[in-house]
Protein backbone atom coordinates (compact mmCIF):
# COMPACT_ATOMS: atom_id res chain seq x y z
CA UNK A 1 68.06 52.07 27.02
CA UNK A 2 66.86 51.97 23.43
CA UNK A 3 68.61 53.64 20.52
CA UNK A 4 65.76 56.17 20.30
CA UNK A 5 65.91 57.18 23.96
CA UNK A 6 69.72 57.36 23.76
CA UNK A 7 69.44 59.83 20.88
CA UNK A 8 66.69 61.73 22.66
CA UNK A 9 68.83 62.08 25.79
CA UNK A 10 71.58 63.70 23.72
CA UNK A 11 69.19 66.09 21.96
CA UNK A 12 67.48 67.09 25.20
CA UNK A 13 70.90 67.71 26.73
CA UNK A 14 71.76 70.04 23.85
CA UNK A 15 68.50 72.00 24.17
CA UNK A 16 67.34 71.70 27.79
CA UNK A 17 65.25 74.88 27.57
CA UNK A 18 63.44 74.03 24.34
CA UNK A 19 59.89 75.36 24.37
CA UNK A 20 57.17 76.84 22.20
CA UNK A 21 58.51 80.14 20.83
CA UNK A 22 55.16 81.54 19.76
CA UNK A 23 53.85 84.48 21.80
CA UNK A 24 50.34 84.13 23.21
CA UNK A 25 48.30 84.67 26.35
CA UNK A 26 45.38 82.25 25.93
CA UNK A 27 44.78 78.92 24.23
CA UNK A 28 42.75 80.74 21.58
CA UNK A 29 45.74 82.93 20.78
CA UNK A 30 48.03 79.88 20.83
CA UNK A 31 45.79 78.06 18.35
CA UNK A 32 45.61 81.07 16.02
CA UNK A 33 49.39 81.46 16.19
CA UNK A 34 49.96 77.81 15.31
CA UNK A 35 47.57 78.08 12.36
CA UNK A 36 49.44 81.18 11.16
CA UNK A 37 52.83 79.47 11.58
CA UNK A 38 52.28 76.99 8.75
CA UNK A 39 55.00 77.40 6.11
CA UNK A 40 56.47 80.44 7.82
CA UNK A 41 58.66 81.23 10.82
CA UNK A 42 57.61 81.72 14.42
CA UNK A 43 59.43 85.06 14.29
CA UNK A 44 57.20 86.30 11.46
CA UNK A 45 54.11 85.19 13.36
CA UNK A 46 55.29 86.85 16.57
CA UNK A 47 55.82 90.13 14.71
CA UNK A 48 52.22 90.11 13.50
CA UNK A 49 50.18 88.72 16.39
CA UNK A 50 50.55 91.44 19.06
CA UNK A 51 48.54 93.91 16.95
CA UNK A 52 46.21 91.16 15.75
CA UNK A 53 45.41 90.02 19.30
CA UNK A 54 45.10 93.57 20.54
CA UNK A 55 42.32 94.03 17.98
CA UNK A 56 40.87 90.51 18.24
CA UNK A 57 41.81 89.10 21.68
CA UNK A 58 39.33 86.21 21.71
CA UNK A 59 37.20 83.98 19.54
CA UNK A 60 34.09 86.14 19.86
CA UNK A 61 35.73 89.35 18.69
CA UNK A 62 37.44 87.59 15.79
CA UNK A 63 34.28 85.72 14.79
CA UNK A 64 32.52 89.06 14.36
CA UNK A 65 35.16 90.36 11.97
CA UNK A 66 35.78 89.69 8.29
CA UNK A 67 38.75 88.47 6.26
CA UNK A 68 39.18 92.00 4.96
CA UNK A 69 39.54 93.25 8.53
CA UNK A 70 41.97 90.49 9.52
CA UNK A 71 44.25 90.49 6.48
CA UNK A 72 46.09 93.81 7.12
CA UNK A 73 47.34 92.45 10.46
CA UNK A 74 48.89 89.33 8.93
CA UNK A 75 49.81 90.40 5.39
CA UNK A 76 53.54 90.02 6.12
CA UNK A 77 52.95 86.30 6.74
CA UNK A 78 53.01 83.87 3.84
CA UNK A 79 49.63 82.72 2.48
CA UNK A 80 47.97 85.39 4.59
CA UNK A 81 44.70 85.46 2.65
CA UNK A 82 44.08 81.75 3.14
CA UNK A 83 45.19 82.00 6.76
CA UNK A 84 42.75 84.85 7.40
CA UNK A 85 39.97 82.56 6.14
CA UNK A 86 41.19 79.75 8.39
CA UNK A 87 41.39 81.75 11.61
CA UNK A 88 38.04 83.42 10.94
CA UNK A 89 36.35 80.06 10.32
CA UNK A 90 38.13 78.62 13.36
CA UNK A 91 36.85 81.47 15.55
CA UNK A 92 33.29 81.13 14.29
CA UNK A 93 33.33 77.38 14.97
CA UNK A 94 34.68 77.92 18.48
CA UNK A 95 31.87 80.34 19.26
CA UNK A 96 29.12 78.22 17.74
CA UNK A 97 30.28 74.81 18.95
CA UNK A 98 32.40 75.41 22.07
CA UNK A 99 31.20 78.68 23.63
CA UNK A 100 34.36 80.36 22.39
CA UNK A 101 36.71 78.06 24.31
CA UNK A 102 39.39 75.87 22.72
CA UNK A 103 38.65 72.19 23.46
CA UNK A 104 41.36 69.94 24.88
CA UNK A 105 40.20 66.77 23.09
CA UNK A 106 42.19 65.77 20.02
CA UNK A 107 39.02 64.47 18.39
CA UNK A 108 37.26 67.80 18.92
CA UNK A 109 40.26 69.87 17.87
CA UNK A 110 40.75 68.25 14.47
CA UNK A 111 37.10 68.86 13.62
CA UNK A 112 37.74 72.61 13.75
CA UNK A 113 38.63 74.59 10.61
CA UNK A 114 42.34 75.09 10.11
CA UNK A 115 43.31 72.45 12.67
CA UNK A 116 45.27 69.42 11.49
CA UNK A 117 47.08 66.74 13.43
CA UNK A 118 50.22 68.83 14.05
CA UNK A 119 48.26 71.85 15.26
CA UNK A 120 46.03 69.72 17.50
CA UNK A 121 49.08 68.08 19.07
CA UNK A 122 50.74 71.46 19.72
CA UNK A 123 47.57 72.83 21.34
CA UNK A 124 47.25 69.75 23.53
CA UNK A 125 50.89 69.71 24.61
CA UNK A 126 51.54 73.42 25.00
CA UNK A 127 48.09 74.66 25.94
CA UNK A 128 46.84 71.80 28.12
CA UNK A 129 50.01 69.88 29.04
CA UNK A 130 48.43 66.71 27.64
CA UNK A 131 51.05 64.25 26.33
CA UNK A 132 51.33 64.80 22.59
CA UNK A 133 54.04 64.72 19.95
CA UNK A 134 53.58 67.10 17.06
CA UNK A 135 55.55 66.36 13.90
CA UNK A 136 56.42 69.43 11.84
CA UNK A 137 59.00 69.71 9.08
CA UNK A 138 61.89 69.95 11.57
CA UNK A 139 60.85 66.91 13.61
CA UNK A 140 60.16 64.94 10.44
CA UNK A 141 63.55 65.80 8.89
CA UNK A 142 65.50 64.95 12.04
CA UNK A 143 63.61 61.70 12.52
CA UNK A 144 64.52 60.58 9.00
CA UNK A 145 68.14 61.70 9.19
CA UNK A 146 68.77 60.00 12.52
CA UNK A 147 66.89 56.89 11.39
CA UNK A 148 64.36 57.20 14.20
CA UNK A 149 61.81 56.18 11.55
CA UNK A 150 62.19 54.26 8.29
CA UNK A 151 62.78 56.09 5.02
CA UNK A 152 59.73 57.13 3.07
CA UNK A 153 57.35 57.77 5.95
CA UNK A 154 55.09 60.81 5.77
CA UNK A 155 54.52 63.07 8.78
CA UNK A 156 51.52 61.09 10.04
CA UNK A 157 53.37 57.77 9.95
CA UNK A 158 56.37 59.47 11.58
CA UNK A 159 54.16 60.69 14.42
CA UNK A 160 52.76 57.20 14.97
CA UNK A 161 56.24 55.63 14.93
CA UNK A 162 57.76 58.18 17.32
CA UNK A 163 54.89 57.79 19.76
CA UNK A 164 55.49 54.06 19.77
CA UNK A 165 59.23 54.41 20.38
CA UNK A 166 59.27 57.32 22.87
CA UNK A 167 57.72 56.92 26.34
CA UNK A 168 54.46 58.84 26.58
CA UNK A 169 55.64 60.93 29.51
CA UNK A 170 58.46 62.29 27.31
CA UNK A 171 56.36 63.24 24.27
CA UNK A 172 56.00 66.97 25.01
CA UNK A 173 59.65 67.54 25.89
CA UNK A 174 60.77 65.35 22.98
CA UNK A 175 58.74 67.41 20.49
CA UNK A 176 60.32 70.69 21.60
CA UNK A 177 63.84 69.28 21.85
CA UNK A 178 63.78 67.59 18.43
CA UNK A 179 62.21 70.71 16.90
CA UNK A 180 64.97 72.93 18.34
CA UNK A 181 67.60 70.43 17.18
CA UNK A 182 66.19 70.66 13.65
CA UNK A 183 65.67 74.41 13.70
CA UNK A 184 69.02 75.45 15.15
CA UNK A 185 71.43 72.54 14.57
CA UNK A 186 70.30 69.90 12.08
CA UNK A 187 69.03 72.53 9.65
CA UNK A 188 67.57 71.72 6.26
CA UNK A 189 70.39 73.61 4.52
CA UNK A 190 73.93 73.55 5.92
CA UNK A 191 73.34 71.43 9.06
CA UNK A 192 76.11 71.58 11.69
CA UNK A 193 77.27 68.03 11.00
CA UNK A 194 80.91 68.61 11.92
CA UNK A 195 79.90 69.70 15.45
CA UNK A 196 77.23 67.06 15.95
CA UNK A 197 77.51 64.52 18.78
CA UNK A 198 75.21 62.18 16.87
CA UNK A 199 77.37 61.58 13.80
CA UNK A 200 77.54 57.84 14.46
CA UNK A 201 73.72 57.66 14.60
CA UNK A 202 73.01 59.80 11.55
CA UNK A 203 72.26 58.27 8.18
CA UNK A 204 72.44 61.71 6.55
CA UNK A 205 75.97 62.33 7.88
CA UNK A 206 77.19 58.87 6.93
CA UNK A 207 75.82 59.28 3.41
CA UNK A 208 77.45 62.70 3.10
CA UNK A 209 80.86 61.48 4.27
CA UNK A 210 80.78 58.58 1.78
CA UNK A 211 80.37 61.09 -1.05
CA UNK A 212 83.39 63.16 -0.04
């Protein structure tokens, strides 16, 4: 067993039910929700999307709207004006290039407006059950703190490193488990270090204890 899989076993044991917390019914709605979730919470997105998807349930209906029509539904979400532009452009591209259906291919996904590597990985893993490992701020922070990746790596290099260290068949579960660990335990501010079973593996904890 490698150090990485040992750590992963502990994290998965702590959060065995970790999953995508966004609310959606179709892969189109999942993709829109992930785009909207950038730099905001899943809770904020989930509060806005029921009304949004009731009005625009699919790519075709949203592609025929305007930013001015979309914005009132998402104005409680940060950066809502830019996000309205992104999801409108995304919907138009789906209709024109993919008959309104979200593609499963990573290469096709990242060509779409508003879709970056993290979003494409989430859509693949959650929407299509294709092995993928999305790296958001939580996964990135935990990976650095637990020394799963070297210091100084950006999110893209972290993704590449984690995919090399974690068996492919564990990527989807690992993403959700590490994300939950970062969101609910190893938080950015006031992490639960004193209750953590990974103190001996954590560079952040060891650095903090040296300064006491």
